[in-house]
């Protein structure tokens, strides 16, 4: 199994910045990709940004130019630097990882973190 521990959420004023972190641990053989998704009240969960083990990134159009995703492969950790935050960025942000386990090296599992609240308000 894999555990995801998220941190870094909070309350920030419009135009401010936050940095989210998510560390994966457990019986990990390798991580294929990690990413962040968000869900605002009344909305479906949506992609924010993803990054593969090779460093390829993908961003939602709404965050391009403001958010940056990065990862530390040695620590199995993904980061999301969020700048110029807007009220519409308010949501619960969930970490996601696609991992291969040591026990089943031919299968990729999908894991979700519990989420961290990001609130952008003056």
PDB file of N, CA and C in Angstrom:
ATOM      1  N   UNK A   1       0.829  -1.193   0.000  1.00  0.00           N
ATOM      2  CA  UNK A   1       0.000   0.000   0.000  1.00  0.00           C
ATOM      3  C   UNK A   1       0.867   1.247   0.000  1.00  0.00           C
ATOM      4  N   UNK A   2       0.245   2.371  -0.353  1.00  0.00           N
ATOM      5  CA  UNK A   2       0.935   3.654  -0.417  1.00  0.00           C
ATOM      6  C   UNK A   2       0.176   4.660   0.424  1.00  0.00           C
ATOM      7  N   UNK A   3       0.902   5.438   1.197  1.00  0.00           N
ATOM      8  CA  UNK A   3       0.318   6.524   1.974  1.00  0.00           C
ATOM      9  C   UNK A   3       0.794   7.849   1.392  1.00  0.00           C
ATOM     10  N   UNK A   4      -0.131   8.805   1.312  1.00  0.00           N
ATOM     11  CA  UNK A   4       0.180  10.144   0.819  1.00  0.00           C
ATOM     12  C   UNK A   4      -0.075  11.139   1.944  1.00  0.00           C
ATOM     13  N   UNK A   5       0.926  11.952   2.253  1.00  0.00           N
ATOM     14  CA  UNK A   5       0.792  12.970   3.286  1.00  0.00           C
ATOM     15  C   UNK A   5       0.937  14.334   2.635  1.00  0.00           C
ATOM     16  N   UNK A   6      -0.136  15.110   2.699  1.00  0.00           N
ATOM     17  CA  UNK A   6      -0.168  16.428   2.084  1.00  0.00           C
ATOM     18  C   UNK A   6       0.019  17.515   3.136  1.00  0.00           C
ATOM     19  N   UNK A   7       0.591  18.630   2.711  1.00  0.00           N
ATOM     20  CA  UNK A   7       0.733  19.766   3.608  1.00  0.00           C
ATOM     21  C   UNK A   7       0.827  21.040   2.796  1.00  0.00           C
ATOM     22  N   UNK A   8       0.629  22.171   3.468  1.00  0.00           N
ATOM     23  CA  UNK A   8       0.853  23.459   2.841  1.00  0.00           C
ATOM     24  C   UNK A   8      -0.381  24.274   2.527  1.00  0.00           C
ATOM     25  N   UNK A   9      -1.564  23.735   2.754  1.00  0.00           N
ATOM     26  CA  UNK A   9      -2.757  24.521   2.485  1.00  0.00           C
ATOM     27  C   UNK A   9      -2.956  25.619   3.513  1.00  0.00           C
ATOM     28  N   UNK A  10      -3.972  26.456   3.279  1.00  0.00           N
ATOM     29  CA  UNK A  10      -4.260  27.514   4.226  1.00  0.00           C
ATOM     30  C   UNK A  10      -5.068  28.623   3.619  1.00  0.00           C
ATOM     31  N   UNK A  11      -5.121  29.733   4.341  1.00  0.00           N
ATOM     32  CA  UNK A  11      -5.849  30.918   3.907  1.00  0.00           C
ATOM     33  C   UNK A  11      -4.857  31.958   3.404  1.00  0.00           C
ATOM     34  N   UNK A  12      -5.141  32.500   2.233  1.00  0.00           N
ATOM     35  CA  UNK A  12      -4.247  33.503   1.647  1.00  0.00           C
ATOM     36  C   UNK A  12      -5.084  34.553   0.945  1.00  0.00           C
ATOM     37  N   UNK A  13      -4.575  35.760   0.880  1.00  0.00           N
ATOM     38  CA  UNK A  13      -5.277  36.828   0.186  1.00  0.00           C
ATOM     39  C   UNK A  13      -5.084  36.698  -1.320  1.00  0.00           C
ATOM     40  N   UNK A  14      -6.007  37.251  -2.103  1.00  0.00           N
ATOM     41  CA  UNK A  14      -5.827  37.250  -3.556  1.00  0.00           C
ATOM     42  C   UNK A  14      -4.485  37.872  -3.940  1.00  0.00           C
ATOM     43  N   UNK A  15      -3.815  37.217  -4.885  1.00  0.00           N
ATOM     44  CA  UNK A  15      -2.485  37.654  -5.289  1.00  0.00           C
ATOM     45  C   UNK A  15      -1.366  37.015  -4.501  1.00  0.00           C
ATOM     46  N   UNK A  16      -1.709  36.300  -3.448  1.00  0.00           N
ATOM     47  CA  UNK A  16      -0.703  35.661  -2.618  1.00  0.00           C
ATOM     48  C   UNK A  16      -0.233  34.338  -3.169  1.00  0.00           C
ATOM     49  N   UNK A  17       0.630  33.673  -2.395  1.00  0.00           N
ATOM     50  CA  UNK A  17       1.236  32.410  -2.822  1.00  0.00           C
ATOM     51  C   UNK A  17       1.132  31.368  -1.724  1.00  0.00           C
ATOM     52  N   UNK A  18       1.091  30.119  -2.166  1.00  0.00           N
ATOM     53  CA  UNK A  18       1.168  28.970  -1.274  1.00  0.00           C
ATOM     54  C   UNK A  18       1.958  27.876  -1.970  1.00  0.00           C
ATOM     55  N   UNK A  19       2.545  27.005  -1.178  1.00  0.00           N
ATOM     56  CA  UNK A  19       3.255  25.855  -1.726  1.00  0.00           C
ATOM     57  C   UNK A  19       2.729  24.595  -1.065  1.00  0.00           C
ATOM     58  N   UNK A  20       2.195  23.701  -1.872  1.00  0.00           N
ATOM     59  CA  UNK A  20       1.696  22.424  -1.387  1.00  0.00           C
ATOM     60  C   UNK A  20       2.768  21.352  -1.561  1.00  0.00           C
ATOM     61  N   UNK A  21       2.801  20.408  -0.615  1.00  0.00           N
ATOM     62  CA  UNK A  21       3.713  19.270  -0.696  1.00  0.00           C
ATOM     63  C   UNK A  21       2.927  17.990  -0.486  1.00  0.00           C
ATOM     64  N   UNK A  22       3.395  16.923  -1.115  1.00  0.00           N
ATOM     65  CA  UNK A  22       2.777  15.609  -0.947  1.00  0.00           C
ATOM     66  C   UNK A  22       3.882  14.565  -0.995  1.00  0.00           C
ATOM     67  N   UNK A  23       4.027  13.842   0.104  1.00  0.00           N
ATOM     68  CA  UNK A  23       5.050  12.808   0.188  1.00  0.00           C
ATOM     69  C   UNK A  23       4.395  11.430   0.163  1.00  0.00           C
ATOM     70  N   UNK A  24       4.898  10.571  -0.704  1.00  0.00           N
ATOM     71  CA  UNK A  24       4.380   9.206  -0.822  1.00  0.00           C
ATOM     72  C   UNK A  24       5.325   8.239  -0.114  1.00  0.00           C
ATOM     73  N   UNK A  25       4.744   7.293   0.598  1.00  0.00           N
ATOM     74  CA  UNK A  25       5.547   6.285   1.282  1.00  0.00           C
ATOM     75  C   UNK A  25       4.811   4.952   1.252  1.00  0.00           C
ATOM     76  N   UNK A  26       5.572   3.886   1.504  1.00  0.00           N
ATOM     77  CA  UNK A  26       4.974   2.555   1.503  1.00  0.00           C
ATOM     78  C   UNK A  26       5.790   1.601   0.644  1.00  0.00           C
ATOM     79  N   UNK A  27       5.113   0.582   0.151  1.00  0.00           N
ATOM     80  CA  UNK A  27       5.785  -0.469  -0.619  1.00  0.00           C
ATOM     81  C   UNK A  27       5.910  -0.061  -2.088  1.00  0.00           C
ATOM     82  N   UNK A  28       6.657   1.002  -2.302  1.00  0.00           N
ATOM     83  CA  UNK A  28       6.764   1.596  -3.633  1.00  0.00           C
ATOM     84  C   UNK A  28       7.961   1.026  -4.383  1.00  0.00           C
ATOM     85  N   UNK A  29       7.701   0.487  -5.560  1.00  0.00           N
ATOM     86  CA  UNK A  29       8.786   0.069  -6.453  1.00  0.00           C
ATOM     87  C   UNK A  29       9.197   1.245  -7.333  1.00  0.00           C
ATOM     88  N   UNK A  30       8.197   1.916  -7.886  1.00  0.00           N
ATOM     89  CA  UNK A  30       8.465   3.127  -8.669  1.00  0.00           C
ATOM     90  C   UNK A  30       7.183   3.937  -8.772  1.00  0.00           C
ATOM     91  N   UNK A  31       7.348   5.217  -9.021  1.00  0.00           N
ATOM     92  CA  UNK A  31       6.195   6.105  -9.220  1.00  0.00           C
ATOM     93  C   UNK A  31       6.167   6.540 -10.673  1.00  0.00           C
ATOM     94  N   UNK A  32       5.051   6.293 -11.322  1.00  0.00           N
ATOM     95  CA  UNK A  32       4.897   6.622 -12.740  1.00  0.00           C
ATOM     96  C   UNK A  32       4.617   8.104 -12.903  1.00  0.00           C
ATOM     97  N   UNK A  33       3.715   8.623 -12.069  1.00  0.00           N
ATOM     98  CA  UNK A  33       3.344  10.026 -12.164  1.00  0.00           C
ATOM     99  C   UNK A  33       2.748  10.478 -10.839  1.00  0.00           C
ATOM    100  N   UNK A  34       2.830  11.785 -10.596  1.00  0.00           N
ATOM    101  CA  UNK A  34       2.194  12.384  -9.430  1.00  0.00           C
ATOM    102  C   UNK A  34       1.487  13.645  -9.889  1.00  0.00           C
ATOM    103  N   UNK A  35       0.500  14.076  -9.124  1.00  0.00           N
ATOM    104  CA  UNK A  35      -0.216  15.266  -9.548  1.00  0.00           C
ATOM    105  C   UNK A  35      -1.119  15.820  -8.464  1.00  0.00           C
ATOM    106  N   UNK A  36      -1.757  16.915  -8.823  1.00  0.00           N
ATOM    107  CA  UNK A  36      -2.694  17.593  -7.944  1.00  0.00           C
ATOM    108  C   UNK A  36      -4.017  17.792  -8.668  1.00  0.00           C
ATOM    109  N   UNK A  37      -5.083  17.530  -7.949  1.00  0.00           N
ATOM    110  CA  UNK A  37      -6.434  17.774  -8.419  1.00  0.00           C
ATOM    111  C   UNK A  37      -7.128  18.611  -7.339  1.00  0.00           C
ATOM    112  N   UNK A  38      -8.202  19.288  -7.714  1.00  0.00           N
ATOM    113  CA  UNK A  38      -8.921  20.090  -6.736  1.00  0.00           C
ATOM    114  C   UNK A  38     -10.423  19.926  -6.915  1.00  0.00           C
ATOM    115  N   UNK A  39     -11.114  20.153  -5.794  1.00  0.00           N
ATOM    116  CA  UNK A  39     -12.570  20.063  -5.817  1.00  0.00           C
ATOM    117  C   UNK A  39     -13.148  21.177  -4.960  1.00  0.00           C
ATOM    118  N   UNK A  40     -13.910  22.044  -5.613  1.00  0.00           N
ATOM    119  CA  UNK A  40     -14.609  23.118  -4.918  1.00  0.00           C
ATOM    120  C   UNK A  40     -16.026  22.646  -4.584  1.00  0.00           C
ATOM    121  N   UNK A  41     -16.646  23.247  -3.577  1.00  0.00           N
ATOM    122  CA  UNK A  41     -18.006  22.829  -3.208  1.00  0.00           C
ATOM    123  C   UNK A  41     -18.960  22.889  -4.397  1.00  0.00           C
ATOM    124  N   UNK A  42     -19.678  21.796  -4.613  1.00  0.00           N
ATOM    125  CA  UNK A  42     -20.643  21.738  -5.696  1.00  0.00           C
ATOM    126  C   UNK A  42     -20.058  21.419  -7.058  1.00  0.00           C
ATOM    127  N   UNK A  43     -18.732  21.277  -7.110  1.00  0.00           N
ATOM    128  CA  UNK A  43     -18.073  20.997  -8.385  1.00  0.00           C
ATOM    129  C   UNK A  43     -17.454  19.607  -8.381  1.00  0.00           C
ATOM    130  N   UNK A  44     -17.177  19.118  -9.578  1.00  0.00           N
ATOM    131  CA  UNK A  44     -16.461  17.852  -9.696  1.00  0.00           C
ATOM    132  C   UNK A  44     -14.969  18.077  -9.482  1.00  0.00           C
ATOM    133  N   UNK A  45     -14.290  17.012  -9.119  1.00  0.00           N
ATOM    134  CA  UNK A  45     -12.838  17.089  -8.978  1.00  0.00           C
ATOM    135  C   UNK A  45     -12.235  17.344 -10.351  1.00  0.00           C
ATOM    136  N   UNK A  46     -11.272  18.258 -10.412  1.00  0.00           N
ATOM    137  CA  UNK A  46     -10.649  18.604 -11.679  1.00  0.00           C
ATOM    138  C   UNK A  46      -9.134  18.573 -11.569  1.00  0.00           C
ATOM    139  N   UNK A  47      -8.509  18.316 -12.705  1.00  0.00           N
ATOM    140  CA  UNK A  47      -7.059  18.290 -12.762  1.00  0.00           C
ATOM    141  C   UNK A  47      -6.500  19.690 -12.582  1.00  0.00           C
ATOM    142  N   UNK A  48      -5.425  19.792 -11.799  1.00  0.00           N
ATOM    143  CA  UNK A  48      -4.685  21.044 -11.684  1.00  0.00           C
ATOM    144  C   UNK A  48      -3.364  20.915 -12.439  1.00  0.00           C
ATOM    145  N   UNK A  49      -2.574  19.906 -12.072  1.00  0.00           N
ATOM    146  CA  UNK A  49      -1.289  19.703 -12.729  1.00  0.00           C
ATOM    147  C   UNK A  49      -0.784  18.298 -12.436  1.00  0.00           C
ATOM    148  N   UNK A  50      -0.048  17.740 -13.401  1.00  0.00           N
ATOM    149  CA  UNK A  50       0.573  16.435 -13.216  1.00  0.00           C
ATOM    150  C   UNK A  50       2.011  16.488 -13.696  1.00  0.00           C
ATOM    151  N   UNK A  51       2.811  15.542 -13.186  1.00  0.00           N
ATOM    152  CA  UNK A  51       4.202  15.439 -13.609  1.00  0.00           C
ATOM    153  C   UNK A  51       4.584  13.967 -13.626  1.00  0.00           C
ATOM    154  N   UNK A  52       5.259  13.544 -14.704  1.00  0.00           N
ATOM    155  CA  UNK A  52       5.673  12.156 -14.821  1.00  0.00           C
ATOM    156  C   UNK A  52       7.051  11.955 -14.185  1.00  0.00           C
ATOM    157  N   UNK A  53       7.450  10.698 -14.105  1.00  0.00           N
ATOM    158  CA  UNK A  53       8.765  10.398 -13.541  1.00  0.00           C
ATOM    159  C   UNK A  53       9.876  11.004 -14.389  1.00  0.00           C
ATOM    160  N   UNK A  54       9.602  11.208 -15.669  1.00  0.00           N
ATOM    161  CA  UNK A  54      10.591  11.814 -16.550  1.00  0.00           C
ATOM    162  C   UNK A  54      10.577  13.332 -16.546  1.00  0.00           C
ATOM    163  N   UNK A  55       9.612  13.909 -15.824  1.00  0.00           N
ATOM    164  CA  UNK A  55       9.565  15.356 -15.701  1.00  0.00           C
ATOM    165  C   UNK A  55       8.597  16.053 -16.636  1.00  0.00           C
ATOM    166  N   UNK A  56       7.844  15.308 -17.428  1.00  0.00           N
ATOM    167  CA  UNK A  56       6.851  15.938 -18.299  1.00  0.00           C
ATOM    168  C   UNK A  56       5.692  16.449 -17.459  1.00  0.00           C
ATOM    169  N   UNK A  57       5.255  17.665 -17.763  1.00  0.00           N
ATOM    170  CA  UNK A  57       4.202  18.292 -16.978  1.00  0.00           C
ATOM    171  C   UNK A  57       2.966  18.591 -17.816  1.00  0.00           C
ATOM    172  N   UNK A  58       1.844  18.688 -17.130  1.00  0.00           N
ATOM    173  CA  UNK A  58       0.581  19.035 -17.756  1.00  0.00           C
ATOM    174  C   UNK A  58      -0.181  19.913 -16.785  1.00  0.00           C
ATOM    175  N   UNK A  59      -0.763  21.007 -17.283  1.00  0.00           N
ATOM    176  CA  UNK A  59      -1.471  21.960 -16.433  1.00  0.00           C
ATOM    177  C   UNK A  59      -2.874  22.232 -16.968  1.00  0.00           C
ATOM    178  N   UNK A  60      -3.781  22.508 -16.056  1.00  0.00           N
ATOM    179  CA  UNK A  60      -5.078  23.026 -16.453  1.00  0.00           C
ATOM    180  C   UNK A  60      -4.877  24.429 -17.010  1.00  0.00           C
ATOM    181  N   UNK A  61      -5.667  24.794 -18.012  1.00  0.00           N
ATOM    182  CA  UNK A  61      -5.523  26.117 -18.622  1.00  0.00           C
ATOM    183  C   UNK A  61      -5.686  27.227 -17.589  1.00  0.00           C
ATOM    184  N   UNK A  62      -6.524  27.009 -16.598  1.00  0.00           N
ATOM    185  CA  UNK A  62      -6.831  28.046 -15.620  1.00  0.00           C
ATOM    186  C   UNK A  62      -5.648  28.375 -14.695  1.00  0.00           C
ATOM    187  N   UNK A  63      -4.655  27.496 -14.651  1.00  0.00           N
ATOM    188  CA  UNK A  63      -3.521  27.740 -13.737  1.00  0.00           C
ATOM    189  C   UNK A  63      -2.202  27.948 -14.469  1.00  0.00           C
ATOM    190  N   UNK A  64      -2.199  27.799 -15.778  1.00  0.00           N
ATOM    191  CA  UNK A  64      -0.959  27.979 -16.545  1.00  0.00           C
ATOM    192  C   UNK A  64      -0.397  29.372 -16.316  1.00  0.00           C
ATOM    193  N   UNK A  65       0.908  29.420 -16.077  1.00  0.00           N
ATOM    194  CA  UNK A  65       1.567  30.694 -15.841  1.00  0.00           C
ATOM    195  C   UNK A  65       1.528  31.147 -14.399  1.00  0.00           C
ATOM    196  N   UNK A  66       0.716  30.488 -13.568  1.00  0.00           N
ATOM    197  CA  UNK A  66       0.623  30.866 -12.157  1.00  0.00           C
ATOM    198  C   UNK A  66       1.096  29.738 -11.230  1.00  0.00           C
ATOM    199  N   UNK A  67       0.848  28.502 -11.614  1.00  0.00           N
ATOM    200  CA  UNK A  67       1.217  27.347 -10.794  1.00  0.00           C
ATOM    201  C   UNK A  67       2.385  26.601 -11.440  1.00  0.00           C
ATOM    202  N   UNK A  68       3.229  26.030 -10.596  1.00  0.00           N
ATOM    203  CA  UNK A  68       4.345  25.214 -11.072  1.00  0.00           C
ATOM    204  C   UNK A  68       4.402  23.925 -10.269  1.00  0.00           C
ATOM    205  N   UNK A  69       4.395  22.807 -10.979  1.00  0.00           N
ATOM    206  CA  UNK A  69       4.511  21.508 -10.319  1.00  0.00           C
ATOM    207  C   UNK A  69       5.940  21.003 -10.467  1.00  0.00           C
ATOM    208  N   UNK A  70       6.443  20.389  -9.423  1.00  0.00           N
ATOM    209  CA  UNK A  70       7.789  19.819  -9.458  1.00  0.00           C
ATOM    210  C   UNK A  70       7.818  18.589  -8.556  1.00  0.00           C
ATOM    211  N   UNK A  71       8.861  17.800  -8.674  1.00  0.00           N
ATOM    212  CA  UNK A  71       8.949  16.610  -7.836  1.00  0.00           C
ATOM    213  C   UNK A  71      10.387  16.299  -7.482  1.00  0.00           C
ATOM    214  N   UNK A  72      10.541  15.617  -6.349  1.00  0.00           N
ATOM    215  CA  UNK A  72      11.820  15.105  -5.906  1.00  0.00           C
ATOM    216  C   UNK A  72      11.696  13.593  -5.952  1.00  0.00           C
ATOM    217  N   UNK A  73      12.255  12.982  -6.977  1.00  0.00           N
ATOM    218  CA  UNK A  73      12.103  11.536  -7.158  1.00  0.00           C
ATOM    219  C   UNK A  73      12.723  10.749  -6.005  1.00  0.00           C
ATOM    220  N   UNK A  74      13.814  11.241  -5.470  1.00  0.00           N
ATOM    221  CA  UNK A  74      14.486  10.516  -4.380  1.00  0.00           C
ATOM    222  C   UNK A  74      13.612  10.475  -3.121  1.00  0.00           C
ATOM    223  N   UNK A  75      12.770  11.489  -2.961  1.00  0.00           N
ATOM    224  CA  UNK A  75      11.914  11.571  -1.770  1.00  0.00           C
ATOM    225  C   UNK A  75      10.478  11.180  -2.066  1.00  0.00           C
ATOM    226  N   UNK A  76      10.189  10.799  -3.307  1.00  0.00           N
ATOM    227  CA  UNK A  76       8.814  10.480  -3.706  1.00  0.00           C
ATOM    228  C   UNK A  76       7.856  11.604  -3.299  1.00  0.00           C
ATOM    229  N   UNK A  77       8.269  12.814  -3.550  1.00  0.00           N
ATOM    230  CA  UNK A  77       7.505  13.985  -3.121  1.00  0.00           C
ATOM    231  C   UNK A  77       7.199  14.881  -4.321  1.00  0.00           C
ATOM    232  N   UNK A  78       5.980  15.398  -4.341  1.00  0.00           N
ATOM    233  CA  UNK A  78       5.576  16.336  -5.381  1.00  0.00           C
ATOM    234  C   UNK A  78       5.197  17.658  -4.721  1.00  0.00           C
ATOM    235  N   UNK A  79       5.498  18.743  -5.407  1.00  0.00           N
ATOM    236  CA  UNK A  79       5.218  20.077  -4.907  1.00  0.00           C
ATOM    237  C   UNK A  79       4.340  20.833  -5.912  1.00  0.00           C
ATOM    238  N   UNK A  80       3.567  21.762  -5.380  1.00  0.00           N
ATOM    239  CA  UNK A  80       2.791  22.649  -6.233  1.00  0.00           C
ATOM    240  C   UNK A  80       2.980  24.067  -5.720  1.00  0.00           C
ATOM    241  N   UNK A  81       3.732  24.859  -6.463  1.00  0.00           N
ATOM    242  CA  UNK A  81       3.921  26.264  -6.126  1.00  0.00           C
ATOM    243  C   UNK A  81       2.804  27.056  -6.789  1.00  0.00           C
ATOM    244  N   UNK A  82       2.015  27.731  -5.979  1.00  0.00           N
ATOM    245  CA  UNK A  82       0.861  28.468  -6.481  1.00  0.00           C
ATOM    246  C   UNK A  82       1.083  29.953  -6.238  1.00  0.00           C
ATOM    247  N   UNK A  83       1.183  30.712  -7.316  1.00  0.00           N
ATOM    248  CA  UNK A  83       1.389  32.156  -7.239  1.00  0.00           C
ATOM    249  C   UNK A  83       0.177  32.886  -7.802  1.00  0.00           C
ATOM    250  N   UNK A  84       0.071  34.154  -7.455  1.00  0.00           N
ATOM    251  CA  UNK A  84      -1.020  34.990  -7.948  1.00  0.00           C
ATOM    252  C   UNK A  84      -2.374  34.280  -7.764  1.00  0.00           C
ATOM    253  N   UNK A  85      -2.609  33.816  -6.568  1.00  0.00           N
ATOM    254  CA  UNK A  85      -3.827  33.058  -6.303  1.00  0.00           C
ATOM    255  C   UNK A  85      -5.068  33.927  -6.432  1.00  0.00           C
ATOM    256  N   UNK A  86      -6.141  33.306  -6.911  1.00  0.00           N
ATOM    257  CA  UNK A  86      -7.409  33.980  -7.131  1.00  0.00           C
ATOM    258  C   UNK A  86      -8.505  33.305  -6.286  1.00  0.00           C
ATOM    259  N   UNK A  87      -9.565  34.033  -5.981  1.00  0.00           N
ATOM    260  CA  UNK A  87     -10.657  33.417  -5.207  1.00  0.00           C
ATOM    261  C   UNK A  87     -11.185  32.130  -5.841  1.00  0.00           C
ATOM    262  N   UNK A  88     -11.169  32.054  -7.162  1.00  0.00           N
ATOM    263  CA  UNK A  88     -11.663  30.850  -7.822  1.00  0.00           C
ATOM    264  C   UNK A  88     -10.725  29.650  -7.670  1.00  0.00           C
ATOM    265  N   UNK A  89      -9.554  29.862  -7.093  1.00  0.00           N
ATOM    266  CA  UNK A  89      -8.663  28.742  -6.787  1.00  0.00           C
ATOM    267  C   UNK A  89      -9.044  28.058  -5.475  1.00  0.00           C
ATOM    268  N   UNK A  90      -9.985  28.638  -4.754  1.00  0.00           N
ATOM    269  CA  UNK A  90     -10.415  28.052  -3.490  1.00  0.00           C
ATOM    270  C   UNK A  90     -11.008  26.669  -3.706  1.00  0.00           C
ATOM    271  N   UNK A  91     -10.453  25.686  -3.005  1.00  0.00           N
ATOM    272  CA  UNK A  91     -10.885  24.300  -3.165  1.00  0.00           C
ATOM    273  C   UNK A  91     -10.102  23.421  -2.198  1.00  0.00           C
ATOM    274  N   UNK A  92     -10.512  22.164  -2.120  1.00  0.00           N
ATOM    275  CA  UNK A  92      -9.699  21.143  -1.468  1.00  0.00           C
ATOM    276  C   UNK A  92      -8.780  20.549  -2.534  1.00  0.00           C
ATOM    277  N   UNK A  93      -7.499  20.566  -2.270  1.00  0.00           N
ATOM    278  CA  UNK A  93      -6.514  20.077  -3.218  1.00  0.00           C
ATOM    279  C   UNK A  93      -6.070  18.673  -2.799  1.00  0.00           C
ATOM    280  N   UNK A  94      -6.196  17.746  -3.735  1.00  0.00           N
ATOM    281  CA  UNK A  94      -5.865  16.352  -3.479  1.00  0.00           C
ATOM    282  C   UNK A  94      -4.627  15.937  -4.270  1.00  0.00           C
ATOM    283  N   UNK A  95      -3.741  15.256  -3.589  1.00  0.00           N
ATOM    284  CA  UNK A  95      -2.569  14.673  -4.238  1.00  0.00           C
ATOM    285  C   UNK A  95      -2.946  13.329  -4.849  1.00  0.00           C
ATOM    286  N   UNK A  96      -2.378  13.040  -5.993  1.00  0.00           N
ATOM    287  CA  UNK A  96      -2.607  11.761  -6.660  1.00  0.00           C
ATOM    288  C   UNK A  96      -1.277  11.162  -7.074  1.00  0.00           C
ATOM    289  N   UNK A  97      -1.152   9.858  -6.935  1.00  0.00           N
ATOM    290  CA  UNK A  97       0.048   9.198  -7.428  1.00  0.00           C
ATOM    291  C   UNK A  97      -0.309   7.882  -8.106  1.00  0.00           C
ATOM    292  N   UNK A  98       0.396   7.588  -9.151  1.00  0.00           N
ATOM    293  CA  UNK A  98       0.277   6.307  -9.854  1.00  0.00           C
ATOM    294  C   UNK A  98       1.578   5.561  -9.620  1.00  0.00           C
ATOM    295  N   UNK A  99       1.483   4.477  -8.871  1.00  0.00           N
ATOM    296  CA  UNK A  99       2.684   3.812  -8.397  1.00  0.00           C
ATOM    297  C   UNK A  99       2.670   2.321  -8.701  1.00  0.00           C
ATOM    298  N   UNK A 100       3.871   1.798  -8.889  1.00  0.00           N
ATOM    299  CA  UNK A 100       4.082   0.367  -9.001  1.00  0.00           C
ATOM    300  C   UNK A 100       4.595  -0.114  -7.643  1.00  0.00           C
ATOM    301  N   UNK A 101       3.973  -1.161  -7.124  1.00  0.00           N
ATOM    302  CA  UNK A 101       4.353  -1.666  -5.815  1.00  0.00           C
ATOM    303  C   UNK A 101       5.395  -2.762  -5.923  1.00  0.00           C
ATOM    304  N   UNK A 102       6.141  -2.952  -4.864  1.00  0.00           N
ATOM    305  CA  UNK A 102       7.162  -3.996  -4.848  1.00  0.00           C
ATOM    306  C   UNK A 102       6.538  -5.385  -4.928  1.00  0.00           C
ATOM    307  N   UNK A 103       5.292  -5.504  -4.457  1.00  0.00           N
ATOM    308  CA  UNK A 103       4.636  -6.809  -4.415  1.00  0.00           C
ATOM    309  C   UNK A 103       4.017  -7.199  -5.751  1.00  0.00           C
ATOM    310  N   UNK A 104       3.667  -6.200  -6.577  1.00  0.00           N
ATOM    311  CA  UNK A 104       3.032  -6.487  -7.878  1.00  0.00           C
ATOM    312  C   UNK A 104       3.654  -5.591  -8.935  1.00  0.00           C
ATOM    313  N   UNK A 105       4.872  -5.895  -9.380  1.00  0.00           N
ATOM    314  CA  UNK A 105       5.610  -4.976 -10.246  1.00  0.00           C
ATOM    315  C   UNK A 105       5.054  -4.815 -11.652  1.00  0.00           C
ATOM    316  N   UNK A 106       4.004  -5.545 -12.013  1.00  0.00           N
ATOM    317  CA  UNK A 106       3.458  -5.417 -13.359  1.00  0.00           C
ATOM    318  C   UNK A 106       2.179  -4.595 -13.400  1.00  0.00           C
ATOM    319  N   UNK A 107       1.792  -3.998 -12.295  1.00  0.00           N
ATOM    320  CA  UNK A 107       0.522  -3.288 -12.214  1.00  0.00           C
ATOM    321  C   UNK A 107       0.732  -1.895 -11.642  1.00  0.00           C
ATOM    322  N   UNK A 108       0.019  -0.906 -12.217  1.00  0.00           N
ATOM    323  CA  UNK A 108       0.105   0.470 -11.731  1.00  0.00           C
ATOM    324  C   UNK A 108      -1.146   0.775 -10.916  1.00  0.00           C
ATOM    325  N   UNK A 109      -0.936   1.168  -9.669  1.00  0.00           N
ATOM    326  CA  UNK A 109      -2.041   1.497  -8.771  1.00  0.00           C
ATOM    327  C   UNK A 109      -2.219   3.008  -8.696  1.00  0.00           C
ATOM    328  N   UNK A 110      -3.451   3.416  -8.410  1.00  0.00           N
ATOM    329  CA  UNK A 110      -3.818   4.826  -8.315  1.00  0.00           C
ATOM    330  C   UNK A 110      -4.190   5.157  -6.873  1.00  0.00           C
ATOM    331  N   UNK A 111      -3.539   6.161  -6.289  1.00  0.00           N
ATOM    332  CA  UNK A 111      -3.786   6.521  -4.897  1.00  0.00           C
ATOM    333  C   UNK A 111      -4.130   8.003  -4.776  1.00  0.00           C
ATOM    334  N   UNK A 112      -4.963   8.301  -3.764  1.00  0.00           N
ATOM    335  CA  UNK A 112      -5.372   9.686  -3.493  1.00  0.00           C
ATOM    336  C   UNK A 112      -5.050  10.056  -2.056  1.00  0.00           C
ATOM    337  N   UNK A 113      -4.651  11.307  -1.863  1.00  0.00           N
ATOM    338  CA  UNK A 113      -4.492  11.830  -0.524  1.00  0.00           C
ATOM    339  C   UNK A 113      -5.820  12.333   0.018  1.00  0.00           C
ATOM    340  N   UNK A 114      -5.820  12.669   1.330  1.00  0.00           N
ATOM    341  CA  UNK A 114      -7.052  13.116   1.991  1.00  0.00           C
ATOM    342  C   UNK A 114      -7.456  14.512   1.558  1.00  0.00           C
ATOM    343  N   UNK A 115      -6.501  15.303   1.110  1.00  0.00           N
ATOM    344  CA  UNK A 115      -6.806  16.656   0.667  1.00  0.00           C
ATOM    345  C   UNK A 115      -6.377  17.708   1.662  1.00  0.00           C
ATOM    346  N   UNK A 116      -6.049  18.883   1.137  1.00  0.00           N
ATOM    347  CA  UNK A 116      -5.697  20.036   1.967  1.00  0.00           C
ATOM    348  C   UNK A 116      -6.465  21.249   1.455  1.00  0.00           C
ATOM    349  N   UNK A 117      -7.037  22.002   2.380  1.00  0.00           N
ATOM    350  CA  UNK A 117      -7.884  23.124   2.001  1.00  0.00           C
ATOM    351  C   UNK A 117      -7.050  24.338   1.620  1.00  0.00           C
ATOM    352  N   UNK A 118      -7.390  24.930   0.490  1.00  0.00           N
ATOM    353  CA  UNK A 118      -6.808  26.205   0.060  1.00  0.00           C
ATOM    354  C   UNK A 118      -7.956  27.201  -0.064  1.00  0.00           C
ATOM    355  N   UNK A 119      -7.857  28.292   0.678  1.00  0.00           N
ATOM    356  CA  UNK A 119      -8.879  29.332   0.643  1.00  0.00           C
ATOM    357  C   UNK A 119      -8.233  30.653   0.272  1.00  0.00           C
ATOM    358  N   UNK A 120      -8.748  31.258  -0.785  1.00  0.00           N
ATOM    359  CA  UNK A 120      -8.234  32.545  -1.253  1.00  0.00           C
ATOM    360  C   UNK A 120      -9.319  33.587  -1.038  1.00  0.00           C
ATOM    361  N   UNK A 121      -9.072  34.475  -0.092  1.00  0.00           N
ATOM    362  CA  UNK A 121     -10.092  35.450   0.282  1.00  0.00           C
ATOM    363  C   UNK A 121      -9.447  36.651   0.957  1.00  0.00           C
ATOM    364  N   UNK A 122     -10.063  37.805   0.749  1.00  0.00           N
ATOM    365  CA  UNK A 122      -9.593  39.009   1.420  1.00  0.00           C
ATOM    366  C   UNK A 122     -10.373  39.243   2.710  1.00  0.00           C
TER     367      UNK A 122
END
